[in-house]
Amino acid sequence: MARPKMLKLSEVLEEIEMSRAAFYRMRARGQAPRLQKLPNGHLRVSRADLDAWWASCEERAA
């Protein structure tokens, strides 16, 4: 079974066109996609989590 695609935080920020500060403000309010911290301290977001987050944003906007 293939491992899920994991995106770097910088890749996520570029895709959603958001600054790091704005992302962390959303995260503090519980409104950002789930982050996973790797043993080396780097942060990743799974493609599935990001896609689900996008879908929930679209539903709230509709």
N, C-alpha and C. Protein backbone atom coordinates (compact mmCIF):
# COMPACT_ATOMS: atom_id res chain seq x y z
N MET A 1 0.84 -1.19 0.00
CA MET A 1 0.00 0.00 0.00
C MET A 1 0.88 1.24 0.00
N ALA A 2 0.57 2.18 -0.85
CA ALA A 2 1.38 3.39 -0.97
C ALA A 2 1.11 4.34 0.19
N ARG A 3 2.17 5.01 0.63
CA ARG A 3 2.02 6.00 1.70
C ARG A 3 1.31 7.23 1.13
N PRO A 4 0.51 7.91 1.96
CA PRO A 4 -0.18 9.11 1.47
C PRO A 4 0.83 10.22 1.19
N LYS A 5 0.50 11.06 0.21
CA LYS A 5 1.34 12.18 -0.15
C LYS A 5 1.36 13.19 0.99
N MET A 6 2.56 13.56 1.44
CA MET A 6 2.71 14.53 2.50
C MET A 6 3.33 15.80 1.91
N LEU A 7 2.71 16.94 2.18
CA LEU A 7 3.17 18.22 1.65
C LEU A 7 3.90 19.01 2.72
N LYS A 8 4.95 19.70 2.32
CA LYS A 8 5.64 20.61 3.23
C LYS A 8 4.73 21.79 3.50
N LEU A 9 4.91 22.41 4.65
CA LEU A 9 4.08 23.57 4.98
C LEU A 9 4.24 24.67 3.94
N SER A 10 5.45 24.87 3.44
CA SER A 10 5.67 25.90 2.42
C SER A 10 4.87 25.60 1.15
N GLU A 11 4.74 24.32 0.79
CA GLU A 11 3.95 23.93 -0.38
C GLU A 11 2.47 24.21 -0.14
N VAL A 12 2.00 23.92 1.07
CA VAL A 12 0.60 24.17 1.41
C VAL A 12 0.31 25.68 1.34
N LEU A 13 1.20 26.47 1.94
CA LEU A 13 1.00 27.92 1.96
C LEU A 13 0.97 28.49 0.55
N GLU A 14 1.82 27.98 -0.32
CA GLU A 14 1.82 28.43 -1.71
C GLU A 14 0.52 28.04 -2.42
N GLU A 15 0.07 26.83 -2.18
CA GLU A 15 -1.15 26.35 -2.84
C GLU A 15 -2.39 27.13 -2.39
N ILE A 16 -2.49 27.43 -1.10
CA ILE A 16 -3.67 28.13 -0.62
C ILE A 16 -3.48 29.65 -0.62
N GLU A 17 -2.31 30.09 -1.09
CA GLU A 17 -2.00 31.52 -1.22
C GLU A 17 -2.24 32.26 0.09
N MET A 18 -1.53 31.80 1.13
CA MET A 18 -1.69 32.37 2.46
C MET A 18 -0.32 32.54 3.10
N SER A 19 -0.19 33.58 3.91
CA SER A 19 1.06 33.79 4.61
C SER A 19 1.16 32.81 5.78
N ARG A 20 2.37 32.59 6.23
CA ARG A 20 2.60 31.70 7.37
C ARG A 20 1.88 32.23 8.62
N ALA A 21 1.94 33.56 8.82
CA ALA A 21 1.29 34.16 10.00
C ALA A 21 -0.22 33.96 9.97
N ALA A 22 -0.83 34.16 8.80
CA ALA A 22 -2.28 33.97 8.68
C ALA A 22 -2.65 32.51 8.91
N PHE A 23 -1.82 31.60 8.39
CA PHE A 23 -2.08 30.17 8.59
C PHE A 23 -2.05 29.83 10.07
N TYR A 24 -1.07 30.33 10.79
CA TYR A 24 -0.97 30.02 12.22
C TYR A 24 -2.10 30.66 13.03
N ARG A 25 -2.61 31.81 12.58
CA ARG A 25 -3.78 32.40 13.24
C ARG A 25 -4.99 31.48 13.05
N MET A 26 -5.17 30.98 11.83
CA MET A 26 -6.27 30.04 11.56
C MET A 26 -6.10 28.77 12.37
N ARG A 27 -4.87 28.31 12.47
CA ARG A 27 -4.59 27.08 13.23
C ARG A 27 -4.93 27.28 14.70
N ALA A 28 -4.62 28.44 15.26
CA ALA A 28 -4.92 28.74 16.66
C ALA A 28 -6.43 28.73 16.90
N ARG A 29 -7.21 29.08 15.88
CA ARG A 29 -8.67 29.07 15.99
C ARG A 29 -9.27 27.71 15.63
N GLY A 30 -8.41 26.75 15.27
CA GLY A 30 -8.89 25.41 14.91
C GLY A 30 -9.50 25.35 13.53
N GLN A 31 -9.09 26.24 12.63
CA GLN A 31 -9.70 26.32 11.31
C GLN A 31 -8.74 25.95 10.18
N ALA A 32 -7.58 25.39 10.49
CA ALA A 32 -6.59 25.05 9.48
C ALA A 32 -6.53 23.53 9.31
N PRO A 33 -5.98 23.08 8.19
CA PRO A 33 -5.83 21.63 8.02
C PRO A 33 -4.88 21.08 9.09
N ARG A 34 -5.05 19.81 9.40
CA ARG A 34 -4.26 19.16 10.44
C ARG A 34 -2.79 19.05 10.03
N LEU A 35 -1.90 19.44 10.93
CA LEU A 35 -0.46 19.33 10.71
C LEU A 35 0.06 18.08 11.41
N GLN A 36 1.06 17.48 10.80
CA GLN A 36 1.75 16.35 11.42
C GLN A 36 3.20 16.74 11.60
N LYS A 37 3.71 16.61 12.82
CA LYS A 37 5.10 16.95 13.11
C LYS A 37 5.94 15.69 12.99
N LEU A 38 6.96 15.75 12.17
CA LEU A 38 7.86 14.63 11.97
C LEU A 38 8.88 14.58 13.10
N PRO A 39 9.54 13.45 13.30
CA PRO A 39 10.54 13.35 14.36
C PRO A 39 11.66 14.39 14.26
N ASN A 40 11.95 14.87 13.05
CA ASN A 40 12.99 15.88 12.88
C ASN A 40 12.46 17.30 13.11
N GLY A 41 11.18 17.44 13.48
CA GLY A 41 10.60 18.75 13.77
C GLY A 41 9.92 19.41 12.59
N HIS A 42 10.07 18.87 11.40
CA HIS A 42 9.44 19.46 10.23
C HIS A 42 7.94 19.17 10.25
N LEU A 43 7.17 20.07 9.66
CA LEU A 43 5.71 19.93 9.62
C LEU A 43 5.26 19.49 8.25
N ARG A 44 4.26 18.62 8.21
CA ARG A 44 3.69 18.13 6.96
C ARG A 44 2.18 18.12 7.06
N VAL A 45 1.53 18.22 5.90
CA VAL A 45 0.08 18.11 5.79
C VAL A 45 -0.18 17.05 4.73
N SER A 46 -1.04 16.10 5.05
CA SER A 46 -1.34 15.07 4.05
C SER A 46 -2.24 15.68 2.97
N ARG A 47 -2.08 15.20 1.76
CA ARG A 47 -2.88 15.68 0.63
C ARG A 47 -4.36 15.45 0.93
N ALA A 48 -4.70 14.32 1.54
CA ALA A 48 -6.10 14.03 1.85
C ALA A 48 -6.66 15.03 2.86
N ASP A 49 -5.88 15.37 3.88
CA ASP A 49 -6.33 16.35 4.87
C ASP A 49 -6.53 17.73 4.23
N LEU A 50 -5.60 18.11 3.36
CA LEU A 50 -5.72 19.42 2.70
C LEU A 50 -6.94 19.45 1.79
N ASP A 51 -7.17 18.38 1.03
CA ASP A 51 -8.33 18.33 0.14
C ASP A 51 -9.64 18.37 0.94
N ALA A 52 -9.68 17.66 2.08
CA ALA A 52 -10.87 17.67 2.92
C ALA A 52 -11.10 19.06 3.51
N TRP A 53 -10.02 19.73 3.89
CA TRP A 53 -10.12 21.10 4.42
C TRP A 53 -10.67 22.05 3.36
N TRP A 54 -10.15 21.93 2.12
CA TRP A 54 -10.65 22.76 1.01
C TRP A 54 -12.15 22.53 0.82
N ALA A 55 -12.56 21.27 0.83
CA ALA A 55 -13.98 20.94 0.62
C ALA A 55 -14.84 21.56 1.72
N SER A 56 -14.36 21.51 2.96
CA SER A 56 -15.15 22.10 4.06
C SER A 56 -15.21 23.62 3.93
N CYS A 57 -14.15 24.23 3.43
CA CYS A 57 -14.17 25.70 3.21
C CYS A 57 -15.20 26.06 2.13
N GLU A 58 -15.25 25.26 1.08
CA GLU A 58 -16.20 25.51 0.00
C GLU A 58 -17.64 25.34 0.49
N GLU A 59 -17.86 24.34 1.35
CA GLU A 59 -19.23 24.11 1.88
C GLU A 59 -19.66 25.28 2.75
N ARG A 60 -18.73 25.80 3.57
CA ARG A 60 -19.09 26.95 4.43
C ARG A 60 -19.35 28.20 3.61
N ALA A 61 -18.67 28.34 2.48
CA ALA A 61 -18.83 29.53 1.65
C ALA A 61 -20.12 29.48 0.84
N ALA A 62 -20.64 28.30 0.61
CA ALA A 62 -21.83 28.15 -0.23
C ALA A 62 -23.11 28.49 0.51
